[in-house]
PDB file of N, CA and C in Angstrom:
ATOM      1  N   UNK A   1     107.696  87.410 110.371  1.00  0.00           N
ATOM      2  CA  UNK A   1     109.040  87.897 110.622  1.00  0.00           C
ATOM      3  C   UNK A   1     109.383  87.621 112.077  1.00  0.00           C
ATOM      4  N   UNK A   2     110.559  87.118 112.316  1.00  0.00           N
ATOM      5  CA  UNK A   2     110.963  86.798 113.681  1.00  0.00           C
ATOM      6  C   UNK A   2     111.617  88.001 114.326  1.00  0.00           C
ATOM      7  N   UNK A   3     111.771  87.918 115.640  1.00  0.00           N
ATOM      8  CA  UNK A   3     112.364  89.024 116.383  1.00  0.00           C
ATOM      9  C   UNK A   3     113.809  89.272 115.961  1.00  0.00           C
ATOM     10  N   UNK A   4     114.491  88.226 115.491  1.00  0.00           N
ATOM     11  CA  UNK A   4     115.891  88.392 115.114  1.00  0.00           C
ATOM     12  C   UNK A   4     116.052  88.950 113.702  1.00  0.00           C
ATOM     13  N   UNK A   5     114.949  89.018 112.943  1.00  0.00           N
ATOM     14  CA  UNK A   5     114.996  89.551 111.585  1.00  0.00           C
ATOM     15  C   UNK A   5     114.972  91.069 111.644  1.00  0.00           C
ATOM     16  N   UNK A   6     115.883  91.679 110.917  1.00  0.00           N
ATOM     17  CA  UNK A   6     115.899  93.137 110.876  1.00  0.00           C
ATOM     18  C   UNK A   6     115.409  93.595 109.517  1.00  0.00           C
ATOM     19  N   UNK A   7     114.753  94.728 109.508  1.00  0.00           N
ATOM     20  CA  UNK A   7     114.247  95.303 108.272  1.00  0.00           C
ATOM     21  C   UNK A   7     115.365  96.009 107.526  1.00  0.00           C
ATOM     22  N   UNK A   8     115.269  96.053 106.202  1.00  0.00           N
ATOM     23  CA  UNK A   8     116.214  96.887 105.456  1.00  0.00           C
ATOM     24  C   UNK A   8     116.050  98.340 105.906  1.00  0.00           C
ATOM     25  N   UNK A   9     117.097  99.101 105.801  1.00  0.00           N
ATOM     26  CA  UNK A   9     117.096 100.480 106.294  1.00  0.00           C
ATOM     27  C   UNK A   9     115.941 101.296 105.725  1.00  0.00           C
ATOM     28  N   UNK A  10     115.604 101.100 104.446  1.00  0.00           N
ATOM     29  CA  UNK A  10     114.549 101.912 103.837  1.00  0.00           C
ATOM     30  C   UNK A  10     113.154 101.527 104.322  1.00  0.00           C
ATOM     31  N   UNK A  11     113.004 100.413 105.035  1.00  0.00           N
ATOM     32  CA  UNK A  11     111.714 100.004 105.586  1.00  0.00           C
ATOM     33  C   UNK A  11     111.629 100.178 107.092  1.00  0.00           C
ATOM     34  N   UNK A  12     112.735 100.502 107.716  1.00  0.00           N
ATOM     35  CA  UNK A  12     112.753 100.651 109.167  1.00  0.00           C
ATOM     36  C   UNK A  12     111.939 101.876 109.584  1.00  0.00           C
ATOM     37  N   UNK A  13     111.203 101.785 110.700  1.00  0.00           N
ATOM     38  CA  UNK A  13     110.439 102.937 111.166  1.00  0.00           C
ATOM     39  C   UNK A  13     111.359 104.100 111.520  1.00  0.00           C
ATOM     40  N   UNK A  14     110.835 105.288 111.359  1.00  0.00           N
ATOM     41  CA  UNK A  14     111.581 106.502 111.680  1.00  0.00           C
ATOM     42  C   UNK A  14     110.982 107.101 112.950  1.00  0.00           C
ATOM     43  N   UNK A  15     111.814 107.351 113.917  1.00  0.00           N
ATOM     44  CA  UNK A  15     111.371 107.993 115.142  1.00  0.00           C
ATOM     45  C   UNK A  15     111.704 109.474 115.047  1.00  0.00           C
ATOM     46  N   UNK A  16     110.709 110.288 115.307  1.00  0.00           N
ATOM     47  CA  UNK A  16     110.914 111.736 115.275  1.00  0.00           C
ATOM     48  C   UNK A  16     110.841 112.248 116.700  1.00  0.00           C
ATOM     49  N   UNK A  17     111.935 112.770 117.148  1.00  0.00           N
ATOM     50  CA  UNK A  17     111.991 113.340 118.492  1.00  0.00           C
ATOM     51  C   UNK A  17     111.631 114.824 118.428  1.00  0.00           C
ATOM     52  N   UNK A  18     110.825 115.268 119.364  1.00  0.00           N
ATOM     53  CA  UNK A  18     110.477 116.679 119.454  1.00  0.00           C
ATOM     54  C   UNK A  18     111.158 117.222 120.708  1.00  0.00           C
ATOM     55  N   UNK A  19     112.104 118.115 120.507  1.00  0.00           N
ATOM     56  CA  UNK A  19     112.838 118.636 121.664  1.00  0.00           C
ATOM     57  C   UNK A  19     111.927 119.387 122.635  1.00  0.00           C
ATOM     58  N   UNK A  20     112.166 119.216 123.894  1.00  0.00           N
ATOM     59  CA  UNK A  20     111.425 119.945 124.921  1.00  0.00           C
ATOM     60  C   UNK A  20     111.921 121.382 125.048  1.00  0.00           C
ATOM     61  N   UNK A  21     112.983 121.700 124.323  1.00  0.00           N
ATOM     62  CA  UNK A  21     113.611 123.021 124.452  1.00  0.00           C
ATOM     63  C   UNK A  21     113.173 124.003 123.369  1.00  0.00           C
ATOM     64  N   UNK A  22     112.243 123.610 122.488  1.00  0.00           N
ATOM     65  CA  UNK A  22     111.788 124.546 121.454  1.00  0.00           C
ATOM     66  C   UNK A  22     111.101 125.734 122.097  1.00  0.00           C
ATOM     67  N   UNK A  23     111.307 126.871 121.493  1.00  0.00           N
ATOM     68  CA  UNK A  23     110.563 128.053 121.926  1.00  0.00           C
ATOM     69  C   UNK A  23     109.151 127.942 121.359  1.00  0.00           C
ATOM     70  N   UNK A  24     108.256 128.781 121.853  1.00  0.00           N
ATOM     71  CA  UNK A  24     106.900 128.794 121.314  1.00  0.00           C
ATOM     72  C   UNK A  24     106.915 129.095 119.813  1.00  0.00           C
ATOM     73  N   UNK A  25     107.800 129.986 119.394  1.00  0.00           N
ATOM     74  CA  UNK A  25     107.891 130.348 117.983  1.00  0.00           C
ATOM     75  C   UNK A  25     108.367 129.172 117.132  1.00  0.00           C
ATOM     76  N   UNK A  26     109.320 128.407 117.634  1.00  0.00           N
ATOM     77  CA  UNK A  26     109.807 127.240 116.897  1.00  0.00           C
ATOM     78  C   UNK A  26     108.717 126.174 116.784  1.00  0.00           C
ATOM     79  N   UNK A  27     108.014 125.936 117.865  1.00  0.00           N
ATOM     80  CA  UNK A  27     106.933 124.951 117.839  1.00  0.00           C
ATOM     81  C   UNK A  27     105.845 125.379 116.860  1.00  0.00           C
ATOM     82  N   UNK A  28     105.513 126.652 116.845  1.00  0.00           N
ATOM     83  CA  UNK A  28     104.508 127.160 115.919  1.00  0.00           C
ATOM     84  C   UNK A  28     104.974 127.040 114.475  1.00  0.00           C
ATOM     85  N   UNK A  29     106.244 127.316 114.207  1.00  0.00           N
ATOM     86  CA  UNK A  29     106.780 127.204 112.850  1.00  0.00           C
ATOM     87  C   UNK A  29     106.676 125.760 112.348  1.00  0.00           C
ATOM     88  N   UNK A  30     106.989 124.793 113.191  1.00  0.00           N
ATOM     89  CA  UNK A  30     106.887 123.385 112.804  1.00  0.00           C
ATOM     90  C   UNK A  30     105.420 123.022 112.573  1.00  0.00           C
ATOM     91  N   UNK A  31     104.551 123.466 113.457  1.00  0.00           N
ATOM     92  CA  UNK A  31     103.123 123.192 113.310  1.00  0.00           C
ATOM     93  C   UNK A  31     102.596 123.771 111.997  1.00  0.00           C
ATOM     94  N   UNK A  32     102.977 124.991 111.670  1.00  0.00           N
ATOM     95  CA  UNK A  32     102.518 125.621 110.427  1.00  0.00           C
ATOM     96  C   UNK A  32     103.063 124.903 109.196  1.00  0.00           C
ATOM     97  N   UNK A  33     104.316 124.447 109.259  1.00  0.00           N
ATOM     98  CA  UNK A  33     104.893 123.688 108.147  1.00  0.00           C
ATOM     99  C   UNK A  33     104.120 122.400 107.923  1.00  0.00           C
ATOM    100  N   UNK A  34     103.848 121.668 108.996  1.00  0.00           N
ATOM    101  CA  UNK A  34     103.098 120.423 108.871  1.00  0.00           C
ATOM    102  C   UNK A  34     101.689 120.672 108.343  1.00  0.00           C
ATOM    103  N   UNK A  35     101.075 121.767 108.772  1.00  0.00           N
ATOM    104  CA  UNK A  35      99.740 122.112 108.303  1.00  0.00           C
ATOM    105  C   UNK A  35      99.757 122.394 106.799  1.00  0.00           C
ATOM    106  N   UNK A  36     100.782 123.098 106.328  1.00  0.00           N
ATOM    107  CA  UNK A  36     100.913 123.378 104.895  1.00  0.00           C
ATOM    108  C   UNK A  36     101.158 122.088 104.113  1.00  0.00           C
ATOM    109  N   UNK A  37     102.007 121.220 104.630  1.00  0.00           N
ATOM    110  CA  UNK A  37     102.264 119.939 103.968  1.00  0.00           C
ATOM    111  C   UNK A  37     100.989 119.115 103.864  1.00  0.00           C
ATOM    112  N   UNK A  38     100.211 119.111 104.933  1.00  0.00           N
ATOM    113  CA  UNK A  38      98.943 118.387 104.934  1.00  0.00           C
ATOM    114  C   UNK A  38      98.016 118.947 103.856  1.00  0.00           C
ATOM    115  N   UNK A  39      97.893 120.249 103.795  1.00  0.00           N
ATOM    116  CA  UNK A  39      97.024 120.877 102.806  1.00  0.00           C
ATOM    117  C   UNK A  39      97.469 120.616 101.381  1.00  0.00           C
ATOM    118  N   UNK A  40      98.750 120.716 101.128  1.00  0.00           N
ATOM    119  CA  UNK A  40      99.255 120.498  99.773  1.00  0.00           C
ATOM    120  C   UNK A  40      99.182 119.045  99.354  1.00  0.00           C
ATOM    121  N   UNK A  41      99.454 118.135 100.288  1.00  0.00           N
ATOM    122  CA  UNK A  41      99.347 116.717  99.936  1.00  0.00           C
ATOM    123  C   UNK A  41      97.876 116.358  99.686  1.00  0.00           C
ATOM    124  N   UNK A  42      96.959 116.945 100.449  1.00  0.00           N
ATOM    125  CA  UNK A  42      95.537 116.696 100.219  1.00  0.00           C
ATOM    126  C   UNK A  42      95.111 117.257  98.861  1.00  0.00           C
ATOM    127  N   UNK A  43      95.608 118.438  98.510  1.00  0.00           N
ATOM    128  CA  UNK A  43      95.249 119.039  97.220  1.00  0.00           C
ATOM    129  C   UNK A  43      95.728 118.169  96.057  1.00  0.00           C
ATOM    130  N   UNK A  44      96.876 117.573  96.192  1.00  0.00           N
ATOM    131  CA  UNK A  44      97.436 116.765  95.108  1.00  0.00           C
ATOM    132  C   UNK A  44      96.904 115.335  95.109  1.00  0.00           C
ATOM    133  N   UNK A  45      96.767 114.741  96.286  1.00  0.00           N
ATOM    134  CA  UNK A  45      96.456 113.314  96.379  1.00  0.00           C
ATOM    135  C   UNK A  45      95.130 113.034  97.082  1.00  0.00           C
ATOM    136  N   UNK A  46      94.286 114.038  97.252  1.00  0.00           N
ATOM    137  CA  UNK A  46      93.069 113.895  98.051  1.00  0.00           C
ATOM    138  C   UNK A  46      92.213 112.696  97.709  1.00  0.00           C
ATOM    139  N   UNK A  47      91.928 112.505  96.421  1.00  0.00           N
ATOM    140  CA  UNK A  47      91.064 111.374  96.030  1.00  0.00           C
ATOM    141  C   UNK A  47      91.714 110.051  96.396  1.00  0.00           C
ATOM    142  N   UNK A  48      93.002 109.932  96.126  1.00  0.00           N
ATOM    143  CA  UNK A  48      93.697 108.680  96.448  1.00  0.00           C
ATOM    144  C   UNK A  48      93.802 108.478  97.958  1.00  0.00           C
ATOM    145  N   UNK A  49      93.982 109.569  98.693  1.00  0.00           N
ATOM    146  CA  UNK A  49      94.032 109.467 100.148  1.00  0.00           C
ATOM    147  C   UNK A  49      92.679 109.009 100.695  1.00  0.00           C
ATOM    148  N   UNK A  50      91.591 109.562 100.149  1.00  0.00           N
ATOM    149  CA  UNK A  50      90.261 109.157 100.592  1.00  0.00           C
ATOM    150  C   UNK A  50      90.032 107.671 100.317  1.00  0.00           C
ATOM    151  N   UNK A  51      90.409 107.225  99.136  1.00  0.00           N
ATOM    152  CA  UNK A  51      90.260 105.807  98.805  1.00  0.00           C
ATOM    153  C   UNK A  51      91.064 104.930  99.757  1.00  0.00           C
ATOM    154  N   UNK A  52      92.288 105.355 100.054  1.00  0.00           N
ATOM    155  CA  UNK A  52      93.127 104.593 100.971  1.00  0.00           C
ATOM    156  C   UNK A  52      92.549 104.537 102.370  1.00  0.00           C
ATOM    157  N   UNK A  53      92.016 105.665 102.844  1.00  0.00           N
ATOM    158  CA  UNK A  53      91.421 105.683 104.180  1.00  0.00           C
ATOM    159  C   UNK A  53      90.179 104.807 104.235  1.00  0.00           C
ATOM    160  N   UNK A  54      89.351 104.855 103.191  1.00  0.00           N
ATOM    161  CA  UNK A  54      88.168 103.994 103.152  1.00  0.00           C
ATOM    162  C   UNK A  54      88.569 102.524 103.136  1.00  0.00           C
ATOM    163  N   UNK A  55      89.600 102.211 102.381  1.00  0.00           N
ATOM    164  CA  UNK A  55      90.079 100.832 102.315  1.00  0.00           C
ATOM    165  C   UNK A  55      90.560 100.373 103.695  1.00  0.00           C
ATOM    166  N   UNK A  56      91.305 101.221 104.387  1.00  0.00           N
ATOM    167  CA  UNK A  56      91.794 100.866 105.727  1.00  0.00           C
ATOM    168  C   UNK A  56      90.631 100.652 106.693  1.00  0.00           C
ATOM    169  N   UNK A  57      89.628 101.499 106.626  1.00  0.00           N
ATOM    170  CA  UNK A  57      88.482 101.392 107.541  1.00  0.00           C
ATOM    171  C   UNK A  57      87.661 100.145 107.266  1.00  0.00           C
ATOM    172  N   UNK A  58      87.669  99.693 106.030  1.00  0.00           N
ATOM    173  CA  UNK A  58      86.889  98.514 105.673  1.00  0.00           C
ATOM    174  C   UNK A  58      87.652  97.221 105.884  1.00  0.00           C
ATOM    175  N   UNK A  59      88.835  97.275 106.435  1.00  0.00           N
ATOM    176  CA  UNK A  59      89.631  96.080 106.710  1.00  0.00           C
ATOM    177  C   UNK A  59      89.206  95.488 108.048  1.00  0.00           C
ATOM    178  N   UNK A  60      87.980  95.016 108.099  1.00  0.00           N
ATOM    179  CA  UNK A  60      87.456  94.414 109.321  1.00  0.00           C
ATOM    180  C   UNK A  60      87.697  92.914 109.279  1.00  0.00           C
ATOM    181  N   UNK A  61      87.883  92.290 110.420  1.00  0.00           N
ATOM    182  CA  UNK A  61      88.038  90.833 110.424  1.00  0.00           C
ATOM    183  C   UNK A  61      86.764  90.188 109.890  1.00  0.00           C
ATOM    184  N   UNK A  62      86.937  89.151 109.089  1.00  0.00           N
ATOM    185  CA  UNK A  62      85.774  88.446 108.555  1.00  0.00           C
ATOM    186  C   UNK A  62      85.102  87.667 109.670  1.00  0.00           C
ATOM    187  N   UNK A  63      83.777  87.674 109.636  1.00  0.00           N
ATOM    188  CA  UNK A  63      83.020  86.917 110.641  1.00  0.00           C
ATOM    189  C   UNK A  63      82.489  85.653 110.000  1.00  0.00           C
ATOM    190  N   UNK A  64      82.289  84.672 110.818  1.00  0.00           N
ATOM    191  CA  UNK A  64      81.689  83.412 110.357  1.00  0.00           C
ATOM    192  C   UNK A  64      80.246  83.390 110.817  1.00  0.00           C
ATOM    193  N   UNK A  65      79.487  82.405 110.342  1.00  0.00           N
ATOM    194  CA  UNK A  65      78.110  82.261 110.798  1.00  0.00           C
ATOM    195  C   UNK A  65      78.038  82.038 112.296  1.00  0.00           C
ATOM    196  N   UNK A  66      79.035  81.359 112.856  1.00  0.00           N
ATOM    197  CA  UNK A  66      79.071  81.114 114.298  1.00  0.00           C
ATOM    198  C   UNK A  66      79.194  82.411 115.078  1.00  0.00           C
ATOM    199  N   UNK A  67      79.937  83.415 114.508  1.00  0.00           N
ATOM    200  CA  UNK A  67      80.115  84.698 115.181  1.00  0.00           C
ATOM    201  C   UNK A  67      78.805  85.474 115.262  1.00  0.00           C
ATOM    202  N   UNK A  68      77.929  85.283 114.287  1.00  0.00           N
ATOM    203  CA  UNK A  68      76.680  86.034 114.224  1.00  0.00           C
ATOM    204  C   UNK A  68      75.665  85.573 115.265  1.00  0.00           C
ATOM    205  N   UNK A  69      75.850  84.403 115.832  1.00  0.00           N
ATOM    206  CA  UNK A  69      74.877  83.870 116.804  1.00  0.00           C
ATOM    207  C   UNK A  69      75.040  84.434 118.166  1.00  0.00           C
TER     208      UNK A  69
END
Protein backbone atom coordinates (compact mmCIF):
# COMPACT_ATOMS: atom_id res chain seq x y z
CA UNK A 1 0.00 0.00 0.00
CA UNK A 2 1.38 3.39 -0.91
CA UNK A 3 1.37 6.49 1.25
CA UNK A 4 -1.31 8.05 -0.95
CA UNK A 5 -3.65 5.06 -0.49
CA UNK A 6 -6.24 5.55 2.19
CA UNK A 7 -7.96 2.76 4.07
CA UNK A 8 -11.72 2.35 4.03
CA UNK A 9 -13.27 3.90 7.12
CA UNK A 10 -14.02 0.51 8.71
CA UNK A 11 -10.32 -0.46 8.51
CA UNK A 12 -8.83 2.83 9.62
CA UNK A 13 -7.12 2.80 13.04
CA UNK A 14 -9.03 4.31 15.92
CA UNK A 15 -7.25 6.72 18.22
CA UNK A 16 -8.54 6.84 21.77
CA UNK A 17 -7.74 10.00 23.62
CA UNK A 18 -7.67 9.91 27.41
CA UNK A 19 -8.46 13.32 28.85
CA UNK A 20 -6.02 14.71 31.38
CA UNK A 21 -9.00 16.23 33.19
CA UNK A 22 -10.59 12.98 34.46
CA UNK A 23 -11.09 12.78 38.16
CA UNK A 24 -9.63 9.82 40.03
CA UNK A 25 -13.14 8.35 40.19
CA UNK A 26 -13.64 8.66 36.43
CA UNK A 27 -10.28 7.05 35.69
CA UNK A 28 -11.09 4.20 38.07
CA UNK A 29 -14.52 3.68 36.48
CA UNK A 30 -12.93 3.36 33.02
CA UNK A 31 -10.26 1.02 34.38
CA UNK A 32 -12.90 -1.19 36.03
CA UNK A 33 -14.99 -1.28 32.83
CA UNK A 34 -11.99 -2.36 30.77
CA UNK A 35 -11.11 -4.98 33.38
CA UNK A 36 -14.65 -6.40 33.20
CA UNK A 37 -14.56 -6.41 29.39
CA UNK A 38 -11.24 -8.25 29.49
CA UNK A 39 -12.61 -10.86 31.88
CA UNK A 40 -15.81 -11.42 29.93
CA UNK A 41 -14.09 -11.60 26.56
CA UNK A 42 -11.61 -14.11 28.03
CA UNK A 43 -14.48 -16.19 29.46
CA UNK A 44 -16.19 -16.32 26.08
CA UNK A 45 -13.23 -16.46 23.69
CA UNK A 46 -10.35 -17.65 25.90
CA UNK A 47 -9.39 -20.72 23.87
CA UNK A 48 -9.49 -18.81 20.60
CA UNK A 49 -7.56 -15.92 22.13
CA UNK A 50 -4.88 -18.32 23.36
CA UNK A 51 -4.59 -19.88 19.92
CA UNK A 52 -4.32 -16.45 18.33
CA UNK A 53 -1.64 -15.32 20.76
CA UNK A 54 0.37 -18.51 20.20
CA UNK A 55 0.06 -18.03 16.45
CA UNK A 56 1.31 -14.43 16.72
CA UNK A 57 4.27 -15.47 18.88
CA UNK A 58 5.24 -18.18 16.43
CA UNK A 59 5.37 -15.74 13.51
CA UNK A 60 9.15 -15.62 13.50
CA UNK A 61 11.12 -14.78 10.37
CA UNK A 62 12.28 -17.92 8.60
CA UNK A 63 16.00 -18.56 8.80
CA UNK A 64 18.15 -20.04 6.09
CA UNK A 65 21.10 -22.38 6.51
CA UNK A 66 23.37 -19.37 6.03
CA UNK A 67 21.75 -17.67 9.07
CA UNK A 68 22.58 -20.65 11.29
CA UNK A 69 26.34 -20.34 10.69
